[in-house]
Structure formats: structure tokens, C-alpha cells
Amino acid sequence: MSDVPPDPTAAVPAAPVDAPDPAAIADDYRRLTAGAGLQDRSEDGKLALTGTEARAFLTGQVTADVEALEPGHGTYAALLTPKGKVIADLRVLDVGEPDAAELLLVCERSGLQALFDHLRRHLIGFDVELHKRTLQRSLHAVIGPRADAVLGDAAAALPRDEHASVRGTLDGIDVLLVRTDLGIDVVAEAERGPEVLAALVAHGAAPVAPEAVEVLRVEHGRPRLHHELDETVMPAEAGIVERAVSFTKGCYVGQETVARLHWRGRPNRHLRGLALDRWVPVGTVIVEDGRELGRVTTSVDSPGLGPIALALVRREVEPDATVVLRPTGGEPTSGRVVALPFSRAGGGVTA
């Protein structure tokens, strides 16, 4: 029997047959880019590692140097197959003390089972305990330029570095605040989750639809598990080496392949942005002279930039190239390849 609760969202949904209505997410997008949006992400996968060897153990399993972390700091990392392909990606947050390590791991719910199973199999012989936290902790993401203002005094001591964390109180509720690329995550005991939500709304955060947050992810060029990341994709192809991979620490699963590609080769594909003439569904093929160059992995209609997408395309396709896209059952259209992240400077799509 599985040790992780069943995930009803684990299966990747089929691509929509119709483009999302831009008007439906425009208001939320404005909140996210000019104010403070609020997303309940309590369903995200959450695990904890404790014990004197927690940092050393996890360093040997994932791509980042977890052992070098200090309490209150964190890192992005990936769990790989022996061939260097991505099984799961995760945030590793050191929320313990120097002599009492506690690592909080946050991942996509669809990657939770694989991560849990891998860690449980390999921790034998280490002074490490693995704890389930998905159902025990709530997580609310405050996103936008006013995130710090919403958290007020609770966020005063939170460093600006991504993945930094600090413990505090929000209207008398004990919380863990975590800096993200888009704002601040608020973690609390699950039973206090509804109170945290009410407090954040009272302080000026407005709930937003996941589709609006997805627009920001695409604009920032951040890959997502089972969209741009899976067991066919290497970290270098998805553009996460700089954020997720240490080349100075010891061995980990998949290290040899990742290091060899980094020092001696080039990835066959790159994660790129596409500025589209019109919205296309996920899975749309990118072609040139009848040859497939890649496929669209995420497609959104941004209120700020118009139709944009992420795609894994062959390395010879450079930014500013114009490509043809052929949706299944639809008319061909075109798009311009954009280096990530997208930029809203001047109101248009730029590299």
C-alpha cells in the first residue's frame, strides 16, 4: 500500500480543445502583476527529513548541494534517473538549527510519490527520518509586488533571496514564510489553513485562478513537472542547470551524464519561449521544411503579452527565428522564438 495519499491530480490532463478566454483571467493577472494575488497550494507535495545526516543524505540523492545550506536558506533541486533525466523537481528548505537539521521538501503533487519512494529506499543506514507533511501543512502563495506589504511585520526579517525562510506569526498564527520568485509562500499547520487564508485576504491579498498564475510561470520561463520536465528531459535541456545543479559537490544519481554533457557536449534541445500569432494547444508540432523541430509544452494567452508558449525545440533554432506551428486538426500558424524569460518591457514581447 502506498505511503503517500492518492493524488487525484497526478494524471496530466488532456490539452484543451479551445483557447482559454483572456477576459476570464485579465483581472487576476492585474492583481498578480500590480498587487497581491493569493493561491491555495496546500495540495502541493510536502515531505520533511530530520536527523543528523539529513543534509548529507539528500546531497547524495539530488542535483543541488544541500549539505552547504544554512538554516533559513534553501535551494532548487532535481531528482534524476541514472541516465540524468528528471523524475521530479523540488524546493529544499533548511528550516532547522545548525545541530538539528530539518529539511522541508516541496514539490509538484504529481512528483510526490516518486520522490517519497526514492528517499525511503535509499535512507537505510543514515541517521535520517522521512516524514509526510502534505496533509499536515497548508501552503498559501502570496504572489505579486505587494506580497511583503500583505505579510507586514511577519515578513520584515525575510531575506530577499529566493528559497529563504523565516518563522513568524500572522494574526497570532504560527507560520513559516518562504521567499519565491513571484512572492512569498505561507506554510502553517493544516488545521490553521482556513484562518491563514482569511488573514491574508483581510490584509489585502485577493484569491486568483490557477490559470492566471500559470501565465506568470510561462512569462518567467520556469519549467514545470509533466509539462517541460519528465523522464525524457535532462536538466540542461530544460534550462535549470544554473538553478539546480552543483558541479562541485560529491556524487548523486545521474551525475555522470549531467557532468559529461555540461563539460563536453551540448544538449540536443533547449527550452524556449514562443510569441504566437494565435493561441495553440499543448502538443502542437513546430516544423520547418517538413521537419519537426519541437512541440509546445505549455500554452497561455497572456493579458500582457498576448498568446505565448513554452516549447522544447532543437538547439539549432535560435531566438528571433520564425517558425511554423501545426496544431492537430487546426490550421497552421506562426510564431517567433524568444529567449527566456519573456519581458513585458515596453508592453511587447521581447527577449
Protein backbone atom coordinates (compact mmCIF):
# COMPACT_ATOMS: atom_id res chain seq x y z
CA MET A 1 0.00 0.00 0.00
CA SER A 2 1.27 3.47 -0.84
CA ASP A 3 2.60 5.65 1.98
CA VAL A 4 1.55 8.82 0.16
CA PRO A 5 -2.12 9.83 -0.12
CA PRO A 6 -3.63 9.24 -3.58
CA ASP A 7 -3.32 12.24 -5.85
CA PRO A 8 -6.41 12.87 -7.97
CA THR A 9 -4.45 15.44 -9.97
CA ALA A 10 -1.45 13.26 -10.74
CA ALA A 11 -2.56 12.37 -14.26
CA VAL A 12 -1.69 15.03 -16.80
CA PRO A 13 -4.95 16.40 -18.22
CA ALA A 14 -5.60 16.32 -21.94
CA ALA A 15 -4.85 19.51 -23.80
CA PRO A 16 -7.87 21.81 -24.04
CA VAL A 17 -9.61 21.94 -27.40
CA ASP A 18 -10.42 25.64 -27.10
CA ALA A 19 -8.20 28.55 -26.16
CA PRO A 20 -8.78 29.96 -22.68
CA ASP A 21 -10.76 33.20 -22.60
CA PRO A 22 -8.30 36.07 -21.95
CA ALA A 23 -11.01 38.13 -20.28
CA ALA A 24 -11.53 35.43 -17.65
CA ILE A 25 -8.02 35.85 -16.23
CA ALA A 26 -7.33 39.53 -17.02
CA ASP A 27 -8.41 40.82 -13.59
CA ASP A 28 -6.41 38.16 -11.77
CA TYR A 29 -3.38 38.92 -13.92
CA ARG A 30 -3.57 42.58 -12.95
CA ARG A 31 -3.66 41.61 -9.27
CA LEU A 32 -0.64 39.36 -9.74
CA THR A 33 1.44 41.94 -11.61
CA ALA A 34 0.39 45.11 -9.77
CA GLY A 35 -0.89 43.99 -6.37
CA ALA A 36 -1.04 40.73 -4.46
CA GLY A 37 -2.79 37.59 -5.66
CA LEU A 38 -3.46 34.59 -3.44
CA GLN A 39 -3.36 30.92 -4.44
CA ASP A 40 -4.10 27.99 -2.12
CA ARG A 41 -1.39 25.44 -2.92
CA SER A 42 -1.94 23.17 0.07
CA GLU A 43 -2.20 20.20 -2.31
CA ASP A 44 1.48 20.59 -3.24
CA GLY A 45 3.63 17.65 -2.15
CA LYS A 46 5.44 18.21 1.15
CA LEU A 47 7.94 15.95 2.93
CA ALA A 48 10.41 16.51 5.75
CA LEU A 49 13.78 14.99 6.56
CA THR A 50 15.19 15.14 10.09
CA GLY A 51 18.28 13.68 11.74
CA THR A 52 21.97 14.45 11.97
CA GLU A 53 22.69 13.17 8.46
CA ALA A 54 19.69 14.71 6.70
CA ARG A 55 21.71 17.26 4.71
CA ALA A 56 24.45 14.80 3.73
CA PHE A 57 21.90 12.16 2.74
CA LEU A 58 19.86 14.43 0.49
CA THR A 59 23.00 15.89 -1.11
CA GLY A 60 23.77 12.39 -2.37
CA GLN A 61 20.32 12.00 -3.91
CA VAL A 62 19.57 15.27 -5.72
CA THR A 63 21.44 17.66 -8.01
CA ALA A 64 21.94 20.56 -5.57
CA ASP A 65 24.44 20.90 -2.73
CA VAL A 66 22.06 20.56 0.20
CA GLU A 67 24.89 19.97 2.67
CA ALA A 68 26.12 23.54 2.12
CA LEU A 69 22.78 25.05 3.19
CA GLU A 70 22.45 27.01 6.39
CA PRO A 71 19.24 27.25 8.42
CA GLY A 72 16.85 29.76 6.91
CA HIS A 73 18.08 29.15 3.37
CA GLY A 74 17.13 26.77 0.59
CA THR A 75 17.72 25.64 -2.94
CA TYR A 76 16.01 24.31 -6.03
CA ALA A 77 16.98 20.75 -6.99
CA ALA A 78 16.07 17.83 -9.20
CA LEU A 79 15.86 14.09 -8.66
CA LEU A 80 17.19 12.25 -11.70
CA THR A 81 17.25 8.81 -13.27
CA PRO A 82 20.66 7.10 -13.61
CA LYS A 83 20.69 8.47 -17.19
CA GLY A 84 20.28 12.03 -15.97
CA LYS A 85 16.60 12.53 -16.82
CA VAL A 86 14.21 14.37 -14.50
CA ILE A 87 11.99 12.31 -12.19
CA ALA A 88 10.91 15.23 -10.01
CA ASP A 89 11.95 18.76 -9.15
CA LEU A 90 11.68 20.23 -5.68
CA ARG A 91 12.46 23.07 -3.33
CA VAL A 92 14.68 22.12 -0.39
CA LEU A 93 14.22 24.44 2.60
CA ASP A 94 16.51 24.20 5.61
CA VAL A 95 14.14 25.12 8.43
CA GLY A 96 16.10 23.52 11.31
CA GLU A 97 19.01 24.54 13.51
CA PRO A 98 22.74 24.02 12.86
CA ASP A 99 22.83 20.98 15.17
CA ALA A 100 19.26 19.75 14.49
CA ALA A 101 18.65 19.62 10.76
CA GLU A 102 15.13 19.72 9.40
CA LEU A 103 14.66 19.89 5.66
CA LEU A 104 11.25 20.71 4.22
CA LEU A 105 10.81 19.44 0.66
CA VAL A 106 8.10 20.98 -1.52
CA CYS A 107 7.29 19.53 -4.93
CA GLU A 108 4.55 19.16 -7.51
CA ARG A 109 1.92 16.77 -6.20
CA SER A 110 2.38 14.66 -9.32
CA GLY A 111 6.02 14.08 -8.39
CA LEU A 112 5.43 13.32 -4.71
CA GLN A 113 5.10 9.54 -4.90
CA ALA A 114 8.29 9.09 -6.92
CA LEU A 115 10.23 11.37 -4.59
CA PHE A 116 8.90 9.67 -1.46
CA ASP A 117 9.61 6.17 -2.78
CA HIS A 118 13.16 7.09 -3.81
CA LEU A 119 14.06 8.68 -0.49
CA ARG A 120 12.56 5.84 1.54
CA ARG A 121 14.50 3.23 -0.45
CA HIS A 122 17.84 4.97 0.00
CA LEU A 123 17.81 6.26 3.59
CA ILE A 124 18.68 2.89 5.13
CA GLY A 125 21.93 3.24 7.07
CA PHE A 126 21.63 7.00 7.57
CA ASP A 127 20.59 8.84 10.71
CA VAL A 128 17.59 10.27 8.86
CA GLU A 129 13.85 10.10 9.31
CA LEU A 130 11.37 10.77 6.50
CA HIS A 131 8.08 12.44 7.40
CA LYS A 132 4.90 13.01 5.38
CA ARG A 133 3.75 16.62 5.51
CA THR A 134 1.33 17.02 2.59
CA LEU A 135 -1.79 16.63 4.69
CA GLN A 136 -0.23 18.13 7.83
CA ARG A 137 0.74 21.52 6.37
CA SER A 138 -1.22 24.17 4.47
CA LEU A 139 0.54 26.32 1.89
CA HIS A 140 -0.74 29.62 0.53
CA ALA A 141 1.18 31.54 -2.14
CA VAL A 142 1.04 35.34 -2.00
CA ILE A 143 2.13 36.50 -5.43
CA GLY A 144 2.89 39.98 -6.70
CA PRO A 145 4.79 43.18 -5.88
CA ARG A 146 2.70 43.80 -2.74
CA ALA A 147 3.39 40.40 -1.17
CA ASP A 148 5.65 41.87 1.53
CA ALA A 149 3.10 44.56 2.31
CA VAL A 150 0.40 41.92 2.79
CA LEU A 151 2.56 39.98 5.27
CA GLY A 152 3.65 43.17 7.03
CA ASP A 153 5.74 42.69 10.18
CA ALA A 154 5.74 38.91 9.71
CA ALA A 155 7.91 39.32 6.59
CA ALA A 156 10.19 42.06 7.95
CA ALA A 157 13.01 39.60 8.68
CA LEU A 158 12.58 37.54 5.49
CA PRO A 159 15.63 37.88 3.21
CA ARG A 160 15.11 38.70 -0.47
CA ASP A 161 16.93 35.57 -1.62
CA GLU A 162 14.71 33.00 -3.30
CA HIS A 163 14.06 29.99 -1.01
CA ALA A 164 14.98 31.95 2.13
CA SER A 165 12.65 31.24 5.05
CA VAL A 166 11.77 32.67 8.43
CA ARG A 167 9.33 31.68 11.16
CA GLY A 168 6.85 34.25 12.40
CA THR A 169 3.23 34.91 13.27
CA LEU A 170 0.34 36.17 11.18
CA ASP A 171 -2.55 37.44 13.28
CA GLY A 172 -1.43 35.14 16.08
CA ILE A 173 -0.95 32.09 13.83
CA ASP A 174 2.49 30.45 13.72
CA VAL A 175 3.69 30.42 10.11
CA LEU A 176 6.77 29.69 8.04
CA LEU A 177 7.35 32.31 5.34
CA VAL A 178 9.33 31.28 2.24
CA ARG A 179 10.58 33.65 -0.44
CA THR A 180 9.70 32.57 -4.01
CA ASP A 181 10.47 34.02 -7.42
CA LEU A 182 6.97 35.53 -7.50
CA GLY A 183 6.29 36.44 -3.88
CA ILE A 184 6.02 34.68 -0.52
CA ASP A 185 4.68 31.25 0.44
CA VAL A 186 2.96 30.93 3.81
CA VAL A 187 3.17 27.48 5.45
CA ALA A 188 1.16 26.59 8.56
CA GLU A 189 -0.39 23.66 10.38
CA ALA A 190 -3.18 22.30 8.19
CA GLU A 191 -5.90 22.95 10.74
CA ARG A 192 -4.95 26.65 10.74
CA GLY A 193 -5.12 26.85 6.94
CA PRO A 194 -8.60 28.44 6.77
CA GLU A 195 -7.52 31.06 9.31
CA VAL A 196 -4.38 31.83 7.31
CA LEU A 197 -6.46 32.24 4.17
CA ALA A 198 -8.86 34.62 5.92
CA ALA A 199 -5.99 36.63 7.41
CA LEU A 200 -4.25 37.02 4.04
CA VAL A 201 -7.48 38.21 2.40
CA ALA A 202 -8.04 40.64 5.25
CA HIS A 203 -4.52 42.01 4.73
CA GLY A 204 -5.18 42.71 1.05
CA ALA A 205 -4.42 39.55 -0.93
CA ALA A 206 -7.07 38.54 -3.47
CA PRO A 207 -7.66 34.89 -4.47
CA VAL A 208 -6.79 34.25 -8.11
CA ALA A 209 -7.35 31.42 -10.56
CA PRO A 210 -4.53 28.92 -11.20
CA GLU A 211 -4.68 29.80 -14.91
CA ALA A 212 -3.56 33.35 -14.13
CA VAL A 213 -0.61 32.08 -12.08
CA GLU A 214 0.28 29.76 -14.94
CA VAL A 215 0.57 32.80 -17.22
CA LEU A 216 3.22 34.25 -14.91
CA ARG A 217 5.10 30.93 -14.85
CA VAL A 218 5.30 30.94 -18.63
CA GLU A 219 6.36 34.59 -18.74
CA HIS A 220 9.15 33.81 -16.27
CA GLY A 221 10.20 30.76 -18.31
CA ARG A 222 10.06 28.37 -15.34
CA PRO A 223 9.61 24.72 -16.42
CA ARG A 224 7.04 22.56 -14.65
CA LEU A 225 6.95 18.83 -13.96
CA HIS A 226 4.95 16.87 -16.56
CA HIS A 227 4.92 19.90 -18.82
CA GLU A 228 8.55 20.78 -19.60
CA LEU A 229 10.14 18.28 -17.18
CA ASP A 230 9.83 14.49 -17.24
CA GLU A 231 11.88 11.34 -17.67
CA THR A 232 12.70 12.24 -21.29
CA VAL A 233 14.26 15.61 -20.40
CA MET A 234 17.69 16.46 -18.99
CA PRO A 235 18.32 19.49 -16.75
CA ALA A 236 20.39 21.21 -19.45
CA GLU A 237 17.57 20.86 -21.97
CA ALA A 238 15.08 22.46 -19.57
CA GLY A 239 17.46 25.29 -18.66
CA ILE A 240 17.63 24.51 -14.93
CA VAL A 241 21.34 23.70 -14.57
CA GLU A 242 22.29 27.10 -13.15
CA ARG A 243 19.48 26.97 -10.59
CA ALA A 244 19.52 23.30 -9.67
CA VAL A 245 22.87 21.62 -10.31
CA SER A 246 26.12 21.72 -8.34
CA PHE A 247 29.29 20.64 -10.12
CA THR A 248 31.49 20.93 -7.02
CA LYS A 249 29.80 18.52 -4.60
CA GLY A 250 30.01 14.74 -4.41
CA CYS A 251 28.17 12.10 -6.37
CA TYR A 252 24.42 11.82 -6.86
CA VAL A 253 22.15 9.75 -9.08
CA GLY A 254 22.60 10.79 -12.73
CA GLN A 255 25.68 12.92 -12.03
CA GLU A 256 27.97 11.35 -14.62
CA THR A 257 25.65 12.04 -17.54
CA VAL A 258 24.84 15.59 -16.40
CA ALA A 259 28.51 16.46 -15.86
CA ARG A 260 29.63 14.94 -19.17
CA LEU A 261 27.01 16.93 -21.09
CA HIS A 262 27.93 20.12 -19.25
CA TRP A 263 31.69 19.91 -19.78
CA ARG A 264 31.99 18.08 -23.10
CA GLY A 265 28.79 18.41 -25.06
CA ARG A 266 25.70 20.41 -25.87
CA PRO A 267 22.06 19.48 -25.28
CA ASN A 268 20.09 18.49 -28.36
CA ARG A 269 17.17 20.68 -27.27
CA HIS A 270 16.58 23.93 -25.42
CA LEU A 271 13.58 25.30 -23.57
CA ARG A 272 12.43 28.38 -25.48
CA GLY A 273 9.58 30.82 -25.47
CA LEU A 274 7.26 31.36 -28.42
CA ALA A 275 5.48 34.62 -29.22
CA LEU A 276 2.50 33.30 -31.17
CA ASP A 277 0.29 34.79 -33.87
CA ARG A 278 -2.56 32.98 -32.15
CA TRP A 279 -3.05 30.57 -29.26
CA VAL A 280 -2.29 26.89 -29.97
CA PRO A 281 -2.91 23.81 -27.80
CA VAL A 282 -0.26 21.85 -25.91
CA GLY A 283 1.32 19.25 -28.16
CA THR A 284 1.32 21.46 -31.26
CA VAL A 285 4.21 20.48 -33.51
CA ILE A 286 6.82 23.07 -34.52
CA VAL A 287 8.10 22.43 -38.06
CA GLU A 288 10.49 23.76 -40.66
CA ASP A 289 10.61 22.42 -44.23
CA GLY A 290 8.53 19.45 -43.09
CA ARG A 291 10.97 18.58 -40.29
CA GLU A 292 9.80 18.54 -36.68
CA LEU A 293 11.76 20.95 -34.50
CA GLY A 294 9.86 20.51 -31.26
CA ARG A 295 6.48 20.61 -29.53
CA VAL A 296 4.60 23.11 -27.42
CA THR A 297 4.63 22.09 -23.74
CA THR A 298 2.58 24.92 -22.20
CA SER A 299 0.41 27.48 -24.00
CA VAL A 300 -1.31 30.51 -22.47
CA ASP A 301 -2.94 33.75 -23.56
CA SER A 302 -1.23 36.45 -21.52
CA PRO A 303 -3.19 39.66 -20.93
CA GLY A 304 0.14 41.47 -21.03
CA LEU A 305 1.90 39.75 -23.91
CA GLY A 306 -0.78 38.00 -25.92
CA PRO A 307 -0.52 34.32 -26.93
CA ILE A 308 2.77 32.85 -25.71
CA ALA A 309 4.07 29.36 -25.10
CA LEU A 310 6.95 27.27 -23.83
CA ALA A 311 8.46 24.60 -26.05
CA LEU A 312 11.41 22.24 -26.16
CA VAL A 313 12.99 22.89 -29.56
CA ARG A 314 16.11 21.66 -31.31
CA ARG A 315 19.28 23.52 -30.43
CA GLU A 316 19.79 24.96 -33.92
CA VAL A 317 16.61 27.02 -33.56
CA GLU A 318 17.87 30.40 -32.35
CA PRO A 319 15.94 33.22 -30.67
CA ASP A 320 14.19 35.56 -33.15
CA ALA A 321 13.69 32.72 -35.63
CA THR A 322 10.20 32.50 -37.13
CA VAL A 323 8.71 29.01 -37.02
CA VAL A 324 5.57 27.29 -38.28
CA LEU A 325 3.24 25.58 -35.81
CA ARG A 326 0.82 22.84 -36.88
CA PRO A 327 -1.92 22.13 -34.32
CA THR A 328 -3.60 18.75 -34.64
CA GLY A 329 -6.80 19.25 -36.59
CA GLY A 330 -6.21 23.01 -36.93
CA GLU A 331 -4.80 25.49 -39.38
CA PRO A 332 -1.04 26.18 -39.31
CA THR A 333 0.11 29.39 -37.71
CA SER A 334 3.46 31.01 -36.98
CA GLY A 335 5.44 32.24 -34.01
CA ARG A 336 8.73 33.85 -33.07
CA VAL A 337 11.26 32.08 -30.88
CA VAL A 338 12.08 34.07 -27.74
CA ALA A 339 14.90 33.62 -25.22
CA LEU A 340 13.55 33.16 -21.71
CA PRO A 341 12.30 34.81 -19.63
CA PHE A 342 9.78 36.84 -21.57
CA SER A 343 9.82 40.58 -20.92
CA ARG A 344 6.91 42.97 -20.63
CA ALA A 345 9.18 45.99 -21.17
CA GLY A 346 7.52 48.50 -23.45
CA GLY A 347 4.32 46.47 -23.49
CA GLY A 348 5.51 43.97 -26.10
CA VAL A 349 7.19 40.58 -26.21
CA THR A 350 10.95 40.92 -26.12
CA ALA A 351 13.84 38.60 -25.47
